[in-house]
Amino acid sequence: MSNETNEKQVMTQEQCEAQIRLAAYYLWQAKGEKHGSDVENWLEAEAAFAESAESVQQ
């Protein structure tokens, strides 16, 4: 792959946070929209995002 192709695949910090935010929202919905679980859902979404990013890099 060329450097140009690799650069197109890099997400900005804002894009990463938007993906995590959306995933955390879906987790919140899937868990019954329980209030007070925002940090738990965010950390779970963040971990899943990091795992996904690692598998893409390999």
Protein backbone atom coordinates (compact mmCIF):
# COMPACT_ATOMS: atom_id res chain seq x y z
CA MET A 1 0.00 0.00 0.00
CA SER A 2 1.17 3.50 -0.66
CA ASN A 3 1.49 6.13 2.04
CA GLU A 4 -1.45 7.98 0.51
CA THR A 5 -3.69 4.96 1.03
CA ASN A 6 -2.52 4.55 4.64
CA GLU A 7 -3.17 8.22 5.38
CA LYS A 8 -6.76 7.94 4.18
CA GLN A 9 -7.38 5.15 6.68
CA VAL A 10 -6.24 7.17 9.71
CA MET A 11 -9.10 8.57 11.77
CA THR A 12 -8.90 11.89 13.56
CA GLN A 13 -9.36 12.09 17.32
CA GLU A 14 -12.80 13.61 16.74
CA GLN A 15 -13.81 10.74 14.45
CA CYS A 16 -12.64 8.17 17.01
CA GLU A 17 -14.60 9.86 19.78
CA ALA A 18 -17.69 10.04 17.59
CA GLN A 19 -17.47 6.30 16.91
CA ILE A 20 -17.02 5.54 20.61
CA ARG A 21 -19.89 7.88 21.55
CA LEU A 22 -22.21 6.14 19.11
CA ALA A 23 -21.19 2.69 20.31
CA ALA A 24 -21.71 3.74 23.95
CA TYR A 25 -25.16 5.04 23.05
CA TYR A 26 -26.09 1.73 21.43
CA LEU A 27 -24.79 -0.15 24.47
CA TRP A 28 -26.90 2.08 26.72
CA GLN A 29 -29.98 1.32 24.62
CA ALA A 30 -29.25 -2.41 24.51
CA LYS A 31 -28.89 -2.49 28.30
CA GLY A 32 -32.33 -0.94 28.84
CA GLU A 33 -31.36 2.75 28.90
CA LYS A 34 -30.24 2.51 32.52
CA HIS A 35 -29.31 5.93 33.86
CA GLY A 36 -25.96 6.27 35.58
CA SER A 37 -24.21 3.71 33.38
CA ASP A 38 -22.61 6.26 31.04
CA VAL A 39 -19.03 5.73 32.21
CA GLU A 40 -19.37 1.94 32.11
CA ASN A 41 -20.83 2.07 28.60
CA TRP A 42 -18.16 4.54 27.42
CA LEU A 43 -15.32 2.35 28.73
CA GLU A 44 -16.84 -0.76 27.16
CA ALA A 45 -17.25 1.01 23.82
CA GLU A 46 -13.73 2.44 24.04
CA ALA A 47 -12.25 -1.00 24.72
CA ALA A 48 -14.15 -2.51 21.79
CA PHE A 49 -12.99 0.33 19.54
CA ALA A 50 -9.35 -0.15 20.60
CA GLU A 51 -9.60 -3.91 20.02
CA SER A 52 -11.11 -3.30 16.60
CA ALA A 53 -8.38 -0.80 15.70
CA GLU A 54 -5.67 -3.26 16.75
CA SER A 55 -7.10 -6.04 14.58
CA VAL A 56 -7.22 -3.71 11.57
CA GLN A 57 -3.56 -2.75 12.00
CA GLN A 58 -2.38 -6.36 11.98
